[in-house]
PDB file of N, CA and C in Angstrom:
ATOM      1  N   MET A   1     -18.524  40.167  10.915  1.00  0.00           N
ATOM      2  CA  MET A   1     -17.224  39.715  10.464  1.00  0.00           C
ATOM      3  C   MET A   1     -16.788  38.474  11.242  1.00  0.00           C
ATOM      4  N   LYS A   2     -17.043  38.475  12.576  1.00  0.00           N
ATOM      5  CA  LYS A   2     -16.661  37.328  13.384  1.00  0.00           C
ATOM      6  C   LYS A   2     -17.438  36.088  12.957  1.00  0.00           C
ATOM      7  N   LYS A   3     -18.731  36.277  12.611  1.00  0.00           N
ATOM      8  CA  LYS A   3     -19.539  35.137  12.175  1.00  0.00           C
ATOM      9  C   LYS A   3     -18.991  34.550  10.877  1.00  0.00           C
ATOM     10  N   ILE A   4     -18.596  35.402   9.956  1.00  0.00           N
ATOM     11  CA  ILE A   4     -18.064  34.947   8.672  1.00  0.00           C
ATOM     12  C   ILE A   4     -16.760  34.197   8.892  1.00  0.00           C
ATOM     13  N   PHE A   5     -15.886  34.748   9.737  1.00  0.00           N
ATOM     14  CA  PHE A   5     -14.617  34.082  10.013  1.00  0.00           C
ATOM     15  C   PHE A   5     -14.856  32.743  10.700  1.00  0.00           C
ATOM     16  N   GLY A   6     -15.772  32.708  11.654  1.00  0.00           N
ATOM     17  CA  GLY A   6     -16.098  31.465  12.364  1.00  0.00           C
ATOM     18  C   GLY A   6     -16.651  30.413  11.409  1.00  0.00           C
ATOM     19  N   LEU A   7     -17.516  30.834  10.497  1.00  0.00           N
ATOM     20  CA  LEU A   7     -18.083  29.923   9.511  1.00  0.00           C
ATOM     21  C   LEU A   7     -16.995  29.405   8.577  1.00  0.00           C
ATOM     22  N   PHE A   8     -16.115  30.281   8.168  1.00  0.00           N
ATOM     23  CA  PHE A   8     -14.998  29.890   7.312  1.00  0.00           C
ATOM     24  C   PHE A   8     -14.098  28.880   8.026  1.00  0.00           C
ATOM     25  N   ALA A   9     -13.769  29.154   9.276  1.00  0.00           N
ATOM     26  CA  ALA A   9     -12.911  28.252  10.054  1.00  0.00           C
ATOM     27  C   ALA A   9     -13.574  26.887  10.211  1.00  0.00           C
ATOM     28  N   MET A  10     -14.873  26.864  10.484  1.00  0.00           N
ATOM     29  CA  MET A  10     -15.600  25.613  10.652  1.00  0.00           C
ATOM     30  C   MET A  10     -15.607  24.826   9.342  1.00  0.00           C
ATOM     31  N   THR A  11     -15.827  25.502   8.222  1.00  0.00           N
ATOM     32  CA  THR A  11     -15.827  24.852   6.916  1.00  0.00           C
ATOM     33  C   THR A  11     -14.461  24.250   6.613  1.00  0.00           C
ATOM     34  N   MET A  12     -13.406  24.990   6.892  1.00  0.00           N
ATOM     35  CA  MET A  12     -12.046  24.494   6.657  1.00  0.00           C
ATOM     36  C   MET A  12     -11.756  23.270   7.528  1.00  0.00           C
ATOM     37  N   MET A  13     -12.201  23.291   8.770  1.00  0.00           N
ATOM     38  CA  MET A  13     -11.972  22.182   9.676  1.00  0.00           C
ATOM     39  C   MET A  13     -12.702  20.933   9.176  1.00  0.00           C
ATOM     40  N   LEU A  14     -13.951  21.065   8.759  1.00  0.00           N
ATOM     41  CA  LEU A  14     -14.713  19.932   8.249  1.00  0.00           C
ATOM     42  C   LEU A  14     -14.103  19.388   6.966  1.00  0.00           C
ATOM     43  N   THR A  15     -13.632  20.257   6.115  1.00  0.00           N
ATOM     44  CA  THR A  15     -12.968  19.838   4.886  1.00  0.00           C
ATOM     45  C   THR A  15     -11.720  19.046   5.213  1.00  0.00           C
ATOM     46  N   SER A  16     -10.957  19.496   6.182  1.00  0.00           N
ATOM     47  CA  SER A  16      -9.741  18.804   6.591  1.00  0.00           C
ATOM     48  C   SER A  16     -10.056  17.427   7.159  1.00  0.00           C
ATOM     49  N   ILE A  17     -11.091  17.341   7.990  1.00  0.00           N
ATOM     50  CA  ILE A  17     -11.481  16.061   8.574  1.00  0.00           C
ATOM     51  C   ILE A  17     -11.928  15.104   7.476  1.00  0.00           C
ATOM     52  N   THR A  18     -12.709  15.571   6.518  1.00  0.00           N
ATOM     53  CA  THR A  18     -13.179  14.740   5.411  1.00  0.00           C
ATOM     54  C   THR A  18     -12.007  14.252   4.573  1.00  0.00           C
ATOM     55  N   ALA A  19     -11.067  15.107   4.276  1.00  0.00           N
ATOM     56  CA  ALA A  19      -9.895  14.722   3.490  1.00  0.00           C
ATOM     57  C   ALA A  19      -9.085  13.680   4.229  1.00  0.00           C
ATOM     58  N   SER A  20      -8.942  13.817   5.541  1.00  0.00           N
ATOM     59  CA  SER A  20      -8.202  12.835   6.321  1.00  0.00           C
ATOM     60  C   SER A  20      -8.896  11.491   6.289  1.00  0.00           C
ATOM     61  N   ALA A  21     -10.197  11.477   6.410  1.00  0.00           N
ATOM     62  CA  ALA A  21     -10.947  10.221   6.387  1.00  0.00           C
ATOM     63  C   ALA A  21     -10.811   9.548   5.028  1.00  0.00           C
ATOM     64  N   ASN A  22     -10.885  10.324   3.948  1.00  0.00           N
ATOM     65  CA  ASN A  22     -10.762   9.753   2.616  1.00  0.00           C
ATOM     66  C   ASN A  22      -9.378   9.164   2.386  1.00  0.00           C
ATOM     67  N   ALA A  23      -8.340   9.790   2.907  1.00  0.00           N
ATOM     68  CA  ALA A  23      -6.986   9.291   2.721  1.00  0.00           C
ATOM     69  C   ALA A  23      -6.826   7.919   3.358  1.00  0.00           C
ATOM     70  N   ALA A  24      -7.557   7.651   4.422  1.00  0.00           N
ATOM     71  CA  ALA A  24      -7.459   6.368   5.109  1.00  0.00           C
ATOM     72  C   ALA A  24      -8.404   5.328   4.512  1.00  0.00           C
ATOM     73  N   ASP A  25      -9.198   5.696   3.499  1.00  0.00           N
ATOM     74  CA  ASP A  25     -10.097   4.723   2.882  1.00  0.00           C
ATOM     75  C   ASP A  25      -9.314   3.610   2.193  1.00  0.00           C
ATOM     76  N   CYS A  26      -8.198   3.944   1.606  1.00  0.00           N
ATOM     77  CA  CYS A  26      -7.363   2.973   0.895  1.00  0.00           C
ATOM     78  C   CYS A  26      -6.094   2.736   1.707  1.00  0.00           C
ATOM     79  N   VAL A  27      -5.926   1.507   2.169  1.00  0.00           N
ATOM     80  CA  VAL A  27      -4.741   1.154   2.961  1.00  0.00           C
ATOM     81  C   VAL A  27      -4.018   0.021   2.236  1.00  0.00           C
ATOM     82  N   ILE A  28      -2.738   0.234   1.970  1.00  0.00           N
ATOM     83  CA  ILE A  28      -1.901  -0.753   1.312  1.00  0.00           C
ATOM     84  C   ILE A  28      -0.993  -1.375   2.368  1.00  0.00           C
ATOM     85  N   HIS A  29      -0.980  -2.711   2.430  1.00  0.00           N
ATOM     86  CA  HIS A  29      -0.143  -3.429   3.389  1.00  0.00           C
ATOM     87  C   HIS A  29       1.031  -4.058   2.638  1.00  0.00           C
ATOM     88  N   TYR A  30       2.235  -3.802   3.131  1.00  0.00           N
ATOM     89  CA  TYR A  30       3.458  -4.320   2.535  1.00  0.00           C
ATOM     90  C   TYR A  30       4.094  -5.345   3.474  1.00  0.00           C
ATOM     91  N   LYS A  31       4.556  -6.448   2.922  1.00  0.00           N
ATOM     92  CA  LYS A  31       5.399  -7.392   3.649  1.00  0.00           C
ATOM     93  C   LYS A  31       6.542  -7.742   2.709  1.00  0.00           C
ATOM     94  N   ARG A  32       7.742  -7.357   3.109  1.00  0.00           N
ATOM     95  CA  ARG A  32       8.904  -7.568   2.258  1.00  0.00           C
ATOM     96  C   ARG A  32       9.715  -8.773   2.716  1.00  0.00           C
ATOM     97  N   THR A  33      10.302  -9.456   1.750  1.00  0.00           N
ATOM     98  CA  THR A  33      11.310 -10.477   2.015  1.00  0.00           C
ATOM     99  C   THR A  33      12.608  -9.917   1.458  1.00  0.00           C
ATOM    100  N   ALA A  34      13.573  -9.756   2.330  1.00  0.00           N
ATOM    101  CA  ALA A  34      14.841  -9.143   1.932  1.00  0.00           C
ATOM    102  C   ALA A  34      15.775 -10.168   1.304  1.00  0.00           C
ATOM    103  N   CYS A  35      16.639  -9.691   0.432  1.00  0.00           N
ATOM    104  CA  CYS A  35      17.734 -10.521  -0.043  1.00  0.00           C
ATOM    105  C   CYS A  35      18.656 -10.780   1.149  1.00  0.00           C
ATOM    106  N   THR A  36      19.427 -11.843   1.102  1.00  0.00           N
ATOM    107  CA  THR A  36      20.317 -12.205   2.198  1.00  0.00           C
ATOM    108  C   THR A  36      21.210 -11.034   2.595  1.00  0.00           C
ATOM    109  N   GLY A  37      21.170 -10.695   3.888  1.00  0.00           N
ATOM    110  CA  GLY A  37      22.002  -9.623   4.425  1.00  0.00           C
ATOM    111  C   GLY A  37      21.484  -8.216   4.154  1.00  0.00           C
ATOM    112  N   GLN A  38      20.322  -8.076   3.538  1.00  0.00           N
ATOM    113  CA  GLN A  38      19.797  -6.767   3.161  1.00  0.00           C
ATOM    114  C   GLN A  38      18.557  -6.359   3.967  1.00  0.00           C
ATOM    115  N   ASP A  39      18.328  -7.006   5.108  1.00  0.00           N
ATOM    116  CA  ASP A  39      17.125  -6.728   5.895  1.00  0.00           C
ATOM    117  C   ASP A  39      16.963  -5.241   6.207  1.00  0.00           C
ATOM    118  N   ALA A  40      17.988  -4.640   6.755  1.00  0.00           N
ATOM    119  CA  ALA A  40      17.880  -3.234   7.173  1.00  0.00           C
ATOM    120  C   ALA A  40      17.519  -2.332   5.994  1.00  0.00           C
ATOM    121  N   GLU A  41      18.159  -2.522   4.881  1.00  0.00           N
ATOM    122  CA  GLU A  41      17.890  -1.684   3.705  1.00  0.00           C
ATOM    123  C   GLU A  41      16.510  -1.971   3.117  1.00  0.00           C
ATOM    124  N   SER A  42      16.151  -3.242   3.022  1.00  0.00           N
ATOM    125  CA  SER A  42      14.863  -3.620   2.449  1.00  0.00           C
ATOM    126  C   SER A  42      13.702  -3.099   3.286  1.00  0.00           C
ATOM    127  N   TYR A  43      13.849  -3.152   4.613  1.00  0.00           N
ATOM    128  CA  TYR A  43      12.762  -2.774   5.509  1.00  0.00           C
ATOM    129  C   TYR A  43      12.745  -1.278   5.828  1.00  0.00           C
ATOM    130  N   LYS A  44      13.694  -0.540   5.278  1.00  0.00           N
ATOM    131  CA  LYS A  44      13.783   0.897   5.550  1.00  0.00           C
ATOM    132  C   LYS A  44      12.491   1.638   5.204  1.00  0.00           C
ATOM    133  N   LYS A  45      11.821   1.229   4.142  1.00  0.00           N
ATOM    134  CA  LYS A  45      10.591   1.914   3.722  1.00  0.00           C
ATOM    135  C   LYS A  45       9.431   1.685   4.689  1.00  0.00           C
ATOM    136  N   CYS A  46       9.599   0.718   5.596  1.00  0.00           N
ATOM    137  CA  CYS A  46       8.598   0.457   6.643  1.00  0.00           C
ATOM    138  C   CYS A  46       9.195   0.775   8.016  1.00  0.00           C
ATOM    139  N   ASP A  47      10.040   1.791   8.061  1.00  0.00           N
ATOM    140  CA  ASP A  47      10.667   2.214   9.314  1.00  0.00           C
ATOM    141  C   ASP A  47      11.377   1.072  10.019  1.00  0.00           C
ATOM    142  N   GLY A  48      12.049   0.224   9.255  1.00  0.00           N
ATOM    143  CA  GLY A  48      12.846  -0.854   9.820  1.00  0.00           C
ATOM    144  C   GLY A  48      12.081  -2.136  10.101  1.00  0.00           C
ATOM    145  N   LYS A  49      10.792  -2.153   9.821  1.00  0.00           N
ATOM    146  CA  LYS A  49       9.984  -3.352  10.054  1.00  0.00           C
ATOM    147  C   LYS A  49       9.741  -4.083   8.741  1.00  0.00           C
ATOM    148  N   GLN A  50       9.534  -5.392   8.839  1.00  0.00           N
ATOM    149  CA  GLN A  50       9.275  -6.183   7.641  1.00  0.00           C
ATOM    150  C   GLN A  50       7.917  -5.849   7.039  1.00  0.00           C
ATOM    151  N   GLU A  51       6.952  -5.491   7.873  1.00  0.00           N
ATOM    152  CA  GLU A  51       5.592  -5.212   7.408  1.00  0.00           C
ATOM    153  C   GLU A  51       5.131  -3.841   7.872  1.00  0.00           C
ATOM    154  N   CYS A  52       4.296  -3.205   7.050  1.00  0.00           N
ATOM    155  CA  CYS A  52       3.688  -1.939   7.449  1.00  0.00           C
ATOM    156  C   CYS A  52       2.489  -1.633   6.555  1.00  0.00           C
ATOM    157  N   ASP A  53       1.669  -0.729   7.029  1.00  0.00           N
ATOM    158  CA  ASP A  53       0.531  -0.218   6.276  1.00  0.00           C
ATOM    159  C   ASP A  53       0.823   1.210   5.863  1.00  0.00           C
ATOM    160  N   LYS A  54       0.386   1.565   4.677  1.00  0.00           N
ATOM    161  CA  LYS A  54       0.498   2.947   4.214  1.00  0.00           C
ATOM    162  C   LYS A  54      -0.834   3.361   3.622  1.00  0.00           C
ATOM    163  N   ASN A  55      -1.274   4.547   3.983  1.00  0.00           N
ATOM    164  CA  ASN A  55      -2.514   5.095   3.432  1.00  0.00           C
ATOM    165  C   ASN A  55      -2.260   5.635   2.042  1.00  0.00           C
ATOM    166  N   ASP A  56      -3.221   5.435   1.162  1.00  0.00           N
ATOM    167  CA  ASP A  56      -3.147   5.963  -0.186  1.00  0.00           C
ATOM    168  C   ASP A  56      -4.351   6.875  -0.396  1.00  0.00           C
ATOM    169  N   ALA A  57      -4.199   7.902  -1.193  1.00  0.00           N
ATOM    170  CA  ALA A  57      -5.262   8.894  -1.402  1.00  0.00           C
ATOM    171  C   ALA A  57      -6.300   8.458  -2.426  1.00  0.00           C
ATOM    172  N   ALA A  58      -6.306   7.186  -2.826  1.00  0.00           N
ATOM    173  CA  ALA A  58      -7.263   6.708  -3.825  1.00  0.00           C
ATOM    174  C   ALA A  58      -8.694   6.988  -3.382  1.00  0.00           C
ATOM    175  N   ALA A  59      -9.488   7.530  -4.299  1.00  0.00           N
ATOM    176  CA  ALA A  59     -10.873   7.897  -3.983  1.00  0.00           C
ATOM    177  C   ALA A  59     -11.870   6.791  -4.308  1.00  0.00           C
ATOM    178  N   THR A  60     -11.445   5.814  -5.121  1.00  0.00           N
ATOM    179  CA  THR A  60     -12.351   4.730  -5.495  1.00  0.00           C
ATOM    180  C   THR A  60     -11.662   3.392  -5.260  1.00  0.00           C
ATOM    181  N   GLU A  61     -12.457   2.339  -5.220  1.00  0.00           N
ATOM    182  CA  GLU A  61     -11.893   1.002  -5.051  1.00  0.00           C
ATOM    183  C   GLU A  61     -10.978   0.655  -6.226  1.00  0.00           C
ATOM    184  N   ALA A  62     -11.372   1.045  -7.428  1.00  0.00           N
ATOM    185  CA  ALA A  62     -10.548   0.772  -8.616  1.00  0.00           C
ATOM    186  C   ALA A  62      -9.191   1.469  -8.507  1.00  0.00           C
ATOM    187  N   ASP A  63      -9.182   2.706  -8.043  1.00  0.00           N
ATOM    188  CA  ASP A  63      -7.919   3.432  -7.879  1.00  0.00           C
ATOM    189  C   ASP A  63      -7.069   2.799  -6.781  1.00  0.00           C
ATOM    190  N   CYS A  64      -7.707   2.322  -5.731  1.00  0.00           N
ATOM    191  CA  CYS A  64      -6.985   1.663  -4.646  1.00  0.00           C
ATOM    192  C   CYS A  64      -6.355   0.360  -5.154  1.00  0.00           C
ATOM    193  N   THR A  65      -7.094  -0.363  -5.970  1.00  0.00           N
ATOM    194  CA  THR A  65      -6.584  -1.594  -6.569  1.00  0.00           C
ATOM    195  C   THR A  65      -5.370  -1.297  -7.444  1.00  0.00           C
ATOM    196  N   LYS A  66      -5.430  -0.236  -8.235  1.00  0.00           N
ATOM    197  CA  LYS A  66      -4.283   0.166  -9.069  1.00  0.00           C
ATOM    198  C   LYS A  66      -3.084   0.517  -8.207  1.00  0.00           C
ATOM    199  N   ALA A  67      -3.329   1.218  -7.092  1.00  0.00           N
ATOM    200  CA  ALA A  67      -2.239   1.593  -6.187  1.00  0.00           C
ATOM    201  C   ALA A  67      -1.592   0.353  -5.580  1.00  0.00           C
ATOM    202  N   ALA A  68      -2.396  -0.624  -5.194  1.00  0.00           N
ATOM    203  CA  ALA A  68      -1.857  -1.860  -4.621  1.00  0.00           C
ATOM    204  C   ALA A  68      -1.032  -2.615  -5.655  1.00  0.00           C
ATOM    205  N   LEU A  69      -1.519  -2.684  -6.870  1.00  0.00           N
ATOM    206  CA  LEU A  69      -0.792  -3.368  -7.935  1.00  0.00           C
ATOM    207  C   LEU A  69       0.542  -2.679  -8.219  1.00  0.00           C
ATOM    208  N   SER A  70       0.540  -1.369  -8.271  1.00  0.00           N
ATOM    209  CA  SER A  70       1.793  -0.652  -8.554  1.00  0.00           C
ATOM    210  C   SER A  70       2.762  -0.729  -7.376  1.00  0.00           C
ATOM    211  N   ALA A  71       2.251  -1.037  -6.174  1.00  0.00           N
ATOM    212  CA  ALA A  71       3.126  -1.177  -5.004  1.00  0.00           C
ATOM    213  C   ALA A  71       4.015  -2.414  -5.118  1.00  0.00           C
ATOM    214  N   CYS A  72       3.698  -3.321  -6.019  1.00  0.00           N
ATOM    215  CA  CYS A  72       4.543  -4.504  -6.234  1.00  0.00           C
ATOM    216  C   CYS A  72       5.838  -4.142  -6.957  1.00  0.00           C
ATOM    217  N   ASP A  73       5.843  -3.026  -7.667  1.00  0.00           N
ATOM    218  CA  ASP A  73       7.044  -2.623  -8.402  1.00  0.00           C
ATOM    219  C   ASP A  73       8.248  -2.627  -7.470  1.00  0.00           C
ATOM    220  N   ASN A  74       9.361  -3.178  -7.954  1.00  0.00           N
ATOM    221  CA  ASN A  74      10.564  -3.319  -7.144  1.00  0.00           C
ATOM    222  C   ASN A  74      11.783  -2.846  -7.921  1.00  0.00           C
ATOM    223  N   ALA A  75      12.240  -1.656  -7.611  1.00  0.00           N
ATOM    224  CA  ALA A  75      13.420  -1.104  -8.271  1.00  0.00           C
ATOM    225  C   ALA A  75      14.710  -1.586  -7.609  1.00  0.00           C
ATOM    226  N   ARG A  76      14.593  -2.148  -6.409  1.00  0.00           N
ATOM    227  CA  ARG A  76      15.782  -2.558  -5.639  1.00  0.00           C
ATOM    228  C   ARG A  76      15.900  -4.088  -5.670  1.00  0.00           C
ATOM    229  N   VAL A  77      16.143  -4.641  -6.850  1.00  0.00           N
ATOM    230  CA  VAL A  77      16.152  -6.097  -7.027  1.00  0.00           C
ATOM    231  C   VAL A  77      17.269  -6.787  -6.253  1.00  0.00           C
ATOM    232  N   ASP A  78      18.327  -6.063  -5.919  1.00  0.00           N
ATOM    233  CA  ASP A  78      19.424  -6.648  -5.144  1.00  0.00           C
ATOM    234  C   ASP A  78      19.231  -6.442  -3.640  1.00  0.00           C
ATOM    235  N   VAL A  79      18.109  -5.841  -3.249  1.00  0.00           N
ATOM    236  CA  VAL A  79      17.813  -5.551  -1.845  1.00  0.00           C
ATOM    237  C   VAL A  79      16.559  -6.299  -1.380  1.00  0.00           C
ATOM    238  N   THR A  80      15.500  -6.206  -2.160  1.00  0.00           N
ATOM    239  CA  THR A  80      14.228  -6.847  -1.802  1.00  0.00           C
ATOM    240  C   THR A  80      13.960  -7.998  -2.763  1.00  0.00           C
ATOM    241  N   LYS A  81      13.844  -9.193  -2.192  1.00  0.00           N
ATOM    242  CA  LYS A  81      13.614 -10.393  -2.990  1.00  0.00           C
ATOM    243  C   LYS A  81      12.163 -10.476  -3.442  1.00  0.00           C
ATOM    244  N   TYR A  82      11.248 -10.269  -2.513  1.00  0.00           N
ATOM    245  CA  TYR A  82       9.829 -10.453  -2.826  1.00  0.00           C
ATOM    246  C   TYR A  82       8.987  -9.553  -1.938  1.00  0.00           C
ATOM    247  N   LYS A  83       7.810  -9.214  -2.413  1.00  0.00           N
ATOM    248  CA  LYS A  83       6.842  -8.446  -1.634  1.00  0.00           C
ATOM    249  C   LYS A  83       5.500  -9.149  -1.690  1.00  0.00           C
ATOM    250  N   VAL A  84       4.794  -9.104  -0.581  1.00  0.00           N
ATOM    251  CA  VAL A  84       3.385  -9.460  -0.554  1.00  0.00           C
ATOM    252  C   VAL A  84       2.673  -8.139  -0.313  1.00  0.00           C
ATOM    253  N   VAL A  85       1.823  -7.752  -1.237  1.00  0.00           N
ATOM    254  CA  VAL A  85       1.098  -6.492  -1.134  1.00  0.00           C
ATOM    255  C   VAL A  85      -0.391  -6.808  -1.124  1.00  0.00           C
ATOM    256  N   THR A  86      -1.050  -6.371  -0.069  1.00  0.00           N
ATOM    257  CA  THR A  86      -2.498  -6.521   0.039  1.00  0.00           C
ATOM    258  C   THR A  86      -3.085  -5.141   0.305  1.00  0.00           C
ATOM    259  N   GLY A  87      -4.388  -5.038   0.218  1.00  0.00           N
ATOM    260  CA  GLY A  87      -5.000  -3.735   0.455  1.00  0.00           C
ATOM    261  C   GLY A  87      -6.436  -3.849   0.903  1.00  0.00           C
ATOM    262  N   THR A  88      -6.900  -2.755   1.469  1.00  0.00           N
ATOM    263  CA  THR A  88      -8.309  -2.643   1.833  1.00  0.00           C
ATOM    264  C   THR A  88      -8.825  -1.300   1.335  1.00  0.00           C
ATOM    265  N   PHE A  89     -10.098  -1.282   0.993  1.00  0.00           N
ATOM    266  CA  PHE A  89     -10.757  -0.037   0.646  1.00  0.00           C
ATOM    267  C   PHE A  89     -11.987   0.078   1.532  1.00  0.00           C
ATOM    268  N   LYS A  90     -12.021   1.134   2.320  1.00  0.00           N
ATOM    269  CA  LYS A  90     -13.090   1.349   3.302  1.00  0.00           C
ATOM    270  C   LYS A  90     -13.274   0.120   4.190  1.00  0.00           C
ATOM    271  N   GLY A  91     -12.140  -0.494   4.546  1.00  0.00           N
ATOM    272  CA  GLY A  91     -12.148  -1.625   5.451  1.00  0.00           C
ATOM    273  C   GLY A  91     -12.380  -2.980   4.805  1.00  0.00           C
ATOM    274  N   ALA A  92     -12.803  -3.015   3.557  1.00  0.00           N
ATOM    275  CA  ALA A  92     -13.058  -4.283   2.864  1.00  0.00           C
ATOM    276  C   ALA A  92     -11.807  -4.714   2.102  1.00  0.00           C
ATOM    277  N   PRO A  93     -11.422  -5.989   2.222  1.00  0.00           N
ATOM    278  CA  PRO A  93     -10.211  -6.451   1.525  1.00  0.00           C
ATOM    279  C   PRO A  93     -10.368  -6.401   0.009  1.00  0.00           C
ATOM    280  N   LEU A  94      -9.276  -6.073  -0.655  1.00  0.00           N
ATOM    281  CA  LEU A  94      -9.225  -6.074  -2.112  1.00  0.00           C
ATOM    282  C   LEU A  94      -8.761  -7.446  -2.588  1.00  0.00           C
ATOM    283  N   THR A  95      -9.140  -7.812  -3.792  1.00  0.00           N
ATOM    284  CA  THR A  95      -8.701  -9.070  -4.379  1.00  0.00           C
ATOM    285  C   THR A  95      -7.561  -8.787  -5.338  1.00  0.00           C
ATOM    286  N   GLY A  96      -6.415  -9.408  -5.056  1.00  0.00           N
ATOM    287  CA  GLY A  96      -5.232  -9.172  -5.878  1.00  0.00           C
ATOM    288  C   GLY A  96      -4.991 -10.236  -6.926  1.00  0.00           C
ATOM    289  N   GLY A  97      -5.494 -11.449  -6.689  1.00  0.00           N
ATOM    290  CA  GLY A  97      -5.348 -12.495  -7.687  1.00  0.00           C
ATOM    291  C   GLY A  97      -4.210 -13.466  -7.476  1.00  0.00           C
ATOM    292  N   PHE A  98      -3.494 -13.339  -6.325  1.00  0.00           N
ATOM    293  CA  PHE A  98      -2.373 -14.236  -6.059  1.00  0.00           C
ATOM    294  C   PHE A  98      -2.362 -14.645  -4.588  1.00  0.00           C
ATOM    295  N   THR A  99      -1.782 -15.819  -4.327  1.00  0.00           N
ATOM    296  CA  THR A  99      -1.589 -16.267  -2.952  1.00  0.00           C
ATOM    297  C   THR A  99      -0.412 -15.516  -2.351  1.00  0.00           C
ATOM    298  N   ALA A 100      -0.149 -15.746  -1.075  1.00  0.00           N
ATOM    299  CA  ALA A 100       0.971 -15.075  -0.400  1.00  0.00           C
ATOM    300  C   ALA A 100       2.312 -15.425  -1.032  1.00  0.00           C
ATOM    301  N   ASP A 101       2.420 -16.599  -1.649  1.00  0.00           N
ATOM    302  CA  ASP A 101       3.687 -16.955  -2.300  1.00  0.00           C
ATOM    303  C   ASP A 101       3.677 -16.636  -3.800  1.00  0.00           C
ATOM    304  N   GLY A 102       2.668 -15.882  -4.255  1.00  0.00           N
ATOM    305  CA  GLY A 102       2.657 -15.370  -5.619  1.00  0.00           C
ATOM    306  C   GLY A 102       2.059 -16.275  -6.668  1.00  0.00           C
ATOM    307  N   LYS A 103       1.426 -17.369  -6.243  1.00  0.00           N
ATOM    308  CA  LYS A 103       0.785 -18.261  -7.211  1.00  0.00           C
ATOM    309  C   LYS A 103      -0.602 -17.722  -7.572  1.00  0.00           C
ATOM    310  N   PRO A 104      -1.016 -17.870  -8.830  1.00  0.00           N
ATOM    311  CA  PRO A 104      -2.331 -17.360  -9.241  1.00  0.00           C
ATOM    312  C   PRO A 104      -3.476 -17.959  -8.405  1.00  0.00           C
ATOM    313  N   ASP A 105      -4.365 -17.097  -7.975  1.00  0.00           N
ATOM    314  CA  ASP A 105      -5.553 -17.484  -7.222  1.00  0.00           C
ATOM    315  C   ASP A 105      -6.573 -16.369  -7.397  1.00  0.00           C
ATOM    316  N   PRO A 106      -7.665 -16.634  -8.107  1.00  0.00           N
ATOM    317  CA  PRO A 106      -8.645 -15.581  -8.374  1.00  0.00           C
ATOM    318  C   PRO A 106      -9.182 -14.895  -7.125  1.00  0.00           C
ATOM    319  N   LYS A 107      -9.151 -15.575  -5.999  1.00  0.00           N
ATOM    320  CA  LYS A 107      -9.646 -14.984  -4.755  1.00  0.00           C
ATOM    321  C   LYS A 107      -8.518 -14.521  -3.840  1.00  0.00           C
ATOM    322  N   GLY A 108      -7.282 -14.639  -4.286  1.00  0.00           N
ATOM    323  CA  GLY A 108      -6.130 -14.280  -3.463  1.00  0.00           C
ATOM    324  C   GLY A 108      -6.054 -12.791  -3.175  1.00  0.00           C
ATOM    325  N   ALA A 109      -5.542 -12.476  -2.002  1.00  0.00           N
ATOM    326  CA  ALA A 109      -5.456 -11.075  -1.572  1.00  0.00           C
ATOM    327  C   ALA A 109      -4.166 -10.391  -2.019  1.00  0.00           C
ATOM    328  N   ASN A 110      -3.149 -11.152  -2.383  1.00  0.00           N
ATOM    329  CA  ASN A 110      -1.849 -10.608  -2.758  1.00  0.00           C
ATOM    330  C   ASN A 110      -1.882 -10.094  -4.202  1.00  0.00           C
ATOM    331  N   PHE A 111      -1.224  -8.962  -4.437  1.00  0.00           N
ATOM    332  CA  PHE A 111      -1.174  -8.366  -5.776  1.00  0.00           C
ATOM    333  C   PHE A 111       0.103  -8.708  -6.537  1.00  0.00           C
ATOM    334  N   CYS A 112       1.069  -9.349  -5.894  1.00  0.00           N
ATOM    335  CA  CYS A 112       2.380  -9.577  -6.520  1.00  0.00           C
ATOM    336  C   CYS A 112       2.540 -11.016  -6.995  1.00  0.00           C
ATOM    337  N   ALA A 113       2.726 -11.185  -8.283  1.00  0.00           N
ATOM    338  CA  ALA A 113       2.977 -12.507  -8.859  1.00  0.00           C
ATOM    339  C   ALA A 113       4.423 -12.905  -8.593  1.00  0.00           C
ATOM    340  N   ALA A 114       4.639 -14.180  -8.337  1.00  0.00           N
ATOM    341  CA  ALA A 114       5.989 -14.678  -8.060  1.00  0.00           C
ATOM    342  C   ALA A 114       6.898 -14.567  -9.271  1.00  0.00           C
ATOM    343  N   ASP A 115       6.322 -14.587 -10.473  1.00  0.00           N
ATOM    344  CA  ASP A 115       7.144 -14.574 -11.681  1.00  0.00           C
ATOM    345  C   ASP A 115       7.366 -13.175 -12.273  1.00  0.00           C
ATOM    346  N   ARG A 116       7.119 -12.156 -11.461  1.00  0.00           N
ATOM    347  CA  ARG A 116       7.405 -10.793 -11.945  1.00  0.00           C
ATOM    348  C   ARG A 116       8.889 -10.678 -12.256  1.00  0.00           C
ATOM    349  N   PRO A 117       9.256  -9.967 -13.313  1.00  0.00           N
ATOM    350  CA  PRO A 117      10.687  -9.855 -13.667  1.00  0.00           C
ATOM    351  C   PRO A 117      11.500  -9.017 -12.688  1.00  0.00           C
ATOM    352  N   ASP A 118      10.823  -8.249 -11.810  1.00  0.00           N
ATOM    353  CA  ASP A 118      11.563  -7.420 -10.865  1.00  0.00           C
ATOM    354  C   ASP A 118      11.562  -8.002  -9.448  1.00  0.00           C
ATOM    355  N   LEU A 119      11.156  -9.252  -9.301  1.00  0.00           N
ATOM    356  CA  LEU A 119      11.184  -9.913  -7.999  1.00  0.00           C
ATOM    357  C   LEU A 119      11.968 -11.214  -8.108  1.00  0.00           C
ATOM    358  N   ASN A 120      12.418 -11.725  -6.970  1.00  0.00           N
ATOM    359  CA  ASN A 120      13.177 -12.977  -6.904  1.00  0.00           C
ATOM    360  C   ASN A 120      14.448 -12.921  -7.750  1.00  0.00           C
ATOM    361  N   LYS A 121      15.159 -11.801  -7.666  1.00  0.00           N
ATOM    362  CA  LYS A 121      16.378 -11.609  -8.470  1.00  0.00           C
ATOM    363  C   LYS A 121      17.612 -11.381  -7.591  1.00  0.00           C
ATOM    364  N   CYS A 122      17.569 -11.785  -6.335  1.00  0.00           N
ATOM    365  CA  CYS A 122      18.727 -11.588  -5.463  1.00  0.00           C
ATOM    366  C   CYS A 122      19.937 -12.307  -6.036  1.00  0.00           C
ATOM    367  N   GLN A 123      21.113 -11.734  -5.775  1.00  0.00           N
ATOM    368  CA  GLN A 123      22.346 -12.352  -6.287  1.00  0.00           C
ATOM    369  C   GLN A 123      22.998 -13.203  -5.236  1.00  0.00           C
TER     370      GLN A 123
END
């Protein structure tokens, strides 16, 4: 019985370690530009900092790319003016298609276009 329990515990531990490693395979980097006077609110999602990394559970590079693209979505148009979103999958940079200022660039790392309807709308 002790051997079975020990084997079960070891299997659970290895599964947990593998799941943790996979979660860190996809890392999304956010850099926000706040609307005037909205720094604290805009940066709240990064614990008060302008930039931060967040792990995503994407299992493939394609899923990680989709996660990075959807990270550009901005519901707080009166709080966050613009975002630069980049990502890595298993340490390799993803190609987003835009420069840091949102201009089209096939080799650009940024996923957020400057002309998105939910960005650059500060009042």
